[in-house]
Amino acid sequence: MSTGEIACTYASLILYDDGIPITAEKIAALVKAANVQVESYWPSLFAKLAEKRNIEDLVMNVGSGGGAAPVAAAAPAAGGAAAAAAPAAEEKKEEPKEESDDDMGFSLFD
């Protein structure tokens, strides 16, 4: 990712967080105020993206990548229904929950 992309991403997030409409002019103004040089097309590209997509949806789906592929378990040649049901029972185990930032007493955006 180039510096221009990163700067425009942060500018878009700042505008969204403050409830300000995301326009190319406002993105360019924030980038200029941060003293970052970007190609002239980046602010307009990010403004067009903000028009077509909900920024909150983009933020909430970062890294979601689509999930894991299902595991294909080969049934034994002569095992019966009990052996075939064992892999299905293993798939139902819950994964341990990861700690969230709330548990640590701080948040990234507070």
C-alpha atoms as a PDB file:
ATOM      1  CA  MET A   1       0.000   0.000   0.000  1.00  0.00           C
ATOM      2  CA  SER A   2       1.424   3.392  -0.924  1.00  0.00           C
ATOM      3  CA  THR A   3       1.681   6.417   1.324  1.00  0.00           C
ATOM      4  CA  GLY A   4      -1.076   8.104  -0.692  1.00  0.00           C
ATOM      5  CA  GLU A   5      -3.460   5.211  -0.123  1.00  0.00           C
ATOM      6  CA  ILE A   6      -2.745   5.101   3.592  1.00  0.00           C
ATOM      7  CA  ALA A   7      -3.121   8.862   3.999  1.00  0.00           C
ATOM      8  CA  CYS A   8      -6.441   8.877   2.137  1.00  0.00           C
ATOM      9  CA  THR A   9      -7.651   5.892   4.140  1.00  0.00           C
ATOM     10  CA  TYR A  10      -6.935   7.667   7.405  1.00  0.00           C
ATOM     11  CA  ALA A  11      -8.473  10.896   6.123  1.00  0.00           C
ATOM     12  CA  SER A  12     -11.639   9.024   5.103  1.00  0.00           C
ATOM     13  CA  LEU A  13     -11.847   7.376   8.511  1.00  0.00           C
ATOM     14  CA  ILE A  14     -11.388  10.716  10.272  1.00  0.00           C
ATOM     15  CA  LEU A  15     -14.143  12.311   8.204  1.00  0.00           C
ATOM     16  CA  TYR A  16     -16.461   9.344   8.780  1.00  0.00           C
ATOM     17  CA  ASP A  17     -15.779   9.305  12.527  1.00  0.00           C
ATOM     18  CA  ASP A  18     -16.595  13.022  12.788  1.00  0.00           C
ATOM     19  CA  GLY A  19     -19.790  12.611  10.742  1.00  0.00           C
ATOM     20  CA  ILE A  20     -18.484  14.841   7.953  1.00  0.00           C
ATOM     21  CA  PRO A  21     -19.410  13.936   4.360  1.00  0.00           C
ATOM     22  CA  ILE A  22     -16.468  12.275   2.633  1.00  0.00           C
ATOM     23  CA  THR A  23     -15.549  14.319  -0.445  1.00  0.00           C
ATOM     24  CA  ALA A  24     -12.364  14.524  -2.496  1.00  0.00           C
ATOM     25  CA  GLU A  25     -11.843  18.121  -1.390  1.00  0.00           C
ATOM     26  CA  LYS A  26     -12.081  17.271   2.311  1.00  0.00           C
ATOM     27  CA  ILE A  27      -9.797  14.252   1.962  1.00  0.00           C
ATOM     28  CA  ALA A  28      -7.262  16.417   0.096  1.00  0.00           C
ATOM     29  CA  ALA A  29      -7.500  19.115   2.779  1.00  0.00           C
ATOM     30  CA  LEU A  30      -6.813  16.624   5.578  1.00  0.00           C
ATOM     31  CA  VAL A  31      -3.911  15.059   3.704  1.00  0.00           C
ATOM     32  CA  LYS A  32      -2.450  18.496   3.001  1.00  0.00           C
ATOM     33  CA  ALA A  33      -2.865  19.500   6.663  1.00  0.00           C
ATOM     34  CA  ALA A  34      -0.928  16.360   7.613  1.00  0.00           C
ATOM     35  CA  ASN A  35       1.834  17.506   5.230  1.00  0.00           C
ATOM     36  CA  VAL A  36       1.636  14.313   3.159  1.00  0.00           C
ATOM     37  CA  GLN A  37       2.153  14.375  -0.597  1.00  0.00           C
ATOM     38  CA  VAL A  38      -0.310  12.158  -2.524  1.00  0.00           C
ATOM     39  CA  GLU A  39      -1.084  11.665  -6.185  1.00  0.00           C
ATOM     40  CA  SER A  40      -3.976  13.887  -7.235  1.00  0.00           C
ATOM     41  CA  TYR A  41      -6.255  10.949  -8.098  1.00  0.00           C
ATOM     42  CA  TRP A  42      -6.256   9.274  -4.652  1.00  0.00           C
ATOM     43  CA  PRO A  43      -8.712  11.644  -2.893  1.00  0.00           C
ATOM     44  CA  SER A  44     -11.273  11.339  -5.701  1.00  0.00           C
ATOM     45  CA  LEU A  45     -10.969   7.527  -5.749  1.00  0.00           C
ATOM     46  CA  PHE A  46     -11.589   7.320  -2.021  1.00  0.00           C
ATOM     47  CA  ALA A  47     -14.505   9.767  -2.250  1.00  0.00           C
ATOM     48  CA  LYS A  48     -16.100   7.635  -4.985  1.00  0.00           C
ATOM     49  CA  LEU A  49     -15.634   4.531  -2.834  1.00  0.00           C
ATOM     50  CA  ALA A  50     -17.317   6.280   0.097  1.00  0.00           C
ATOM     51  CA  GLU A  51     -20.289   7.157  -2.145  1.00  0.00           C
ATOM     52  CA  LYS A  52     -20.773   3.554  -3.242  1.00  0.00           C
ATOM     53  CA  ARG A  53     -19.949   1.654  -0.050  1.00  0.00           C
ATOM     54  CA  ASN A  54     -20.860   2.113   3.582  1.00  0.00           C
ATOM     55  CA  ILE A  55     -17.649   2.922   5.462  1.00  0.00           C
ATOM     56  CA  GLU A  56     -18.916   1.228   8.613  1.00  0.00           C
ATOM     57  CA  ASP A  57     -19.431  -2.023   6.687  1.00  0.00           C
ATOM     58  CA  LEU A  58     -15.899  -1.787   5.312  1.00  0.00           C
ATOM     59  CA  VAL A  59     -14.453  -1.232   8.777  1.00  0.00           C
ATOM     60  CA  MET A  60     -16.462  -4.032  10.376  1.00  0.00           C
ATOM     61  CA  ASN A  61     -15.504  -6.561   7.664  1.00  0.00           C
ATOM     62  CA  VAL A  62     -11.760  -5.954   7.636  1.00  0.00           C
ATOM     63  CA  GLY A  63      -9.947  -9.258   7.658  1.00  0.00           C
ATOM     64  CA  SER A  64     -13.086 -11.378   7.499  1.00  0.00           C
ATOM     65  CA  GLY A  65     -11.827 -13.027   4.301  1.00  0.00           C
ATOM     66  CA  GLY A  66     -14.752 -15.417   3.963  1.00  0.00           C
ATOM     67  CA  GLY A  67     -14.106 -18.100   6.579  1.00  0.00           C
ATOM     68  CA  ALA A  68     -12.427 -21.462   6.554  1.00  0.00           C
ATOM     69  CA  ALA A  69     -13.117 -24.179   4.029  1.00  0.00           C
ATOM     70  CA  PRO A  70     -15.054 -27.153   5.379  1.00  0.00           C
ATOM     71  CA  VAL A  71     -12.955 -30.130   6.359  1.00  0.00           C
ATOM     72  CA  ALA A  72     -13.580 -33.190   4.204  1.00  0.00           C
ATOM     73  CA  ALA A  73     -13.318 -36.337   6.316  1.00  0.00           C
ATOM     74  CA  ALA A  74     -12.932 -39.616   4.448  1.00  0.00           C
ATOM     75  CA  ALA A  75     -15.227 -42.328   5.786  1.00  0.00           C
ATOM     76  CA  PRO A  76     -13.469 -45.572   6.666  1.00  0.00           C
ATOM     77  CA  ALA A  77     -14.002 -48.460   4.261  1.00  0.00           C
ATOM     78  CA  ALA A  78     -15.461 -50.784   6.906  1.00  0.00           C
ATOM     79  CA  GLY A  79     -16.348 -48.832  10.013  1.00  0.00           C
ATOM     80  CA  GLY A  80     -20.061 -48.333  10.146  1.00  0.00           C
ATOM     81  CA  ALA A  81     -22.086 -45.296  11.138  1.00  0.00           C
ATOM     82  CA  ALA A  82     -20.360 -44.810  14.504  1.00  0.00           C
ATOM     83  CA  ALA A  83     -16.967 -44.202  12.906  1.00  0.00           C
ATOM     84  CA  ALA A  84     -18.437 -41.808  10.345  1.00  0.00           C
ATOM     85  CA  ALA A  85     -20.239 -39.813  13.061  1.00  0.00           C
ATOM     86  CA  ALA A  86     -17.049 -39.228  15.086  1.00  0.00           C
ATOM     87  CA  PRO A  87     -15.568 -36.541  12.779  1.00  0.00           C
ATOM     88  CA  ALA A  88     -18.913 -34.681  12.785  1.00  0.00           C
ATOM     89  CA  ALA A  89     -18.889 -34.578  16.588  1.00  0.00           C
ATOM     90  CA  GLU A  90     -15.376 -33.127  16.584  1.00  0.00           C
ATOM     91  CA  GLU A  91     -16.400 -30.282  14.268  1.00  0.00           C
ATOM     92  CA  LYS A  92     -19.051 -29.088  16.727  1.00  0.00           C
ATOM     93  CA  LYS A  93     -16.534 -28.173  19.443  1.00  0.00           C
ATOM     94  CA  GLU A  94     -16.548 -24.470  20.298  1.00  0.00           C
ATOM     95  CA  GLU A  95     -13.421 -22.503  19.743  1.00  0.00           C
ATOM     96  CA  PRO A  96     -12.126 -20.546  22.750  1.00  0.00           C
ATOM     97  CA  LYS A  97     -13.090 -16.903  22.738  1.00  0.00           C
ATOM     98  CA  GLU A  98     -10.335 -14.392  22.143  1.00  0.00           C
ATOM     99  CA  GLU A  99      -9.816 -11.524  24.521  1.00  0.00           C
ATOM    100  CA  SER A 100     -11.217  -8.234  23.366  1.00  0.00           C
ATOM    101  CA  ASP A 101      -9.861  -4.741  23.954  1.00  0.00           C
ATOM    102  CA  ASP A 102     -12.790  -4.126  26.312  1.00  0.00           C
ATOM    103  CA  ASP A 103     -11.367  -6.723  28.692  1.00  0.00           C
ATOM    104  CA  MET A 104      -8.091  -4.809  28.893  1.00  0.00           C
ATOM    105  CA  GLY A 105      -9.711  -1.556  29.967  1.00  0.00           C
ATOM    106  CA  PHE A 106      -8.945   0.470  26.859  1.00  0.00           C
ATOM    107  CA  SER A 107     -10.048   0.803  23.274  1.00  0.00           C
ATOM    108  CA  LEU A 108      -8.156   1.715  20.159  1.00  0.00           C
ATOM    109  CA  PHE A 109     -10.448   4.651  19.382  1.00  0.00           C
ATOM    110  CA  ASP A 110     -11.095   6.059  22.879  1.00  0.00           C
END
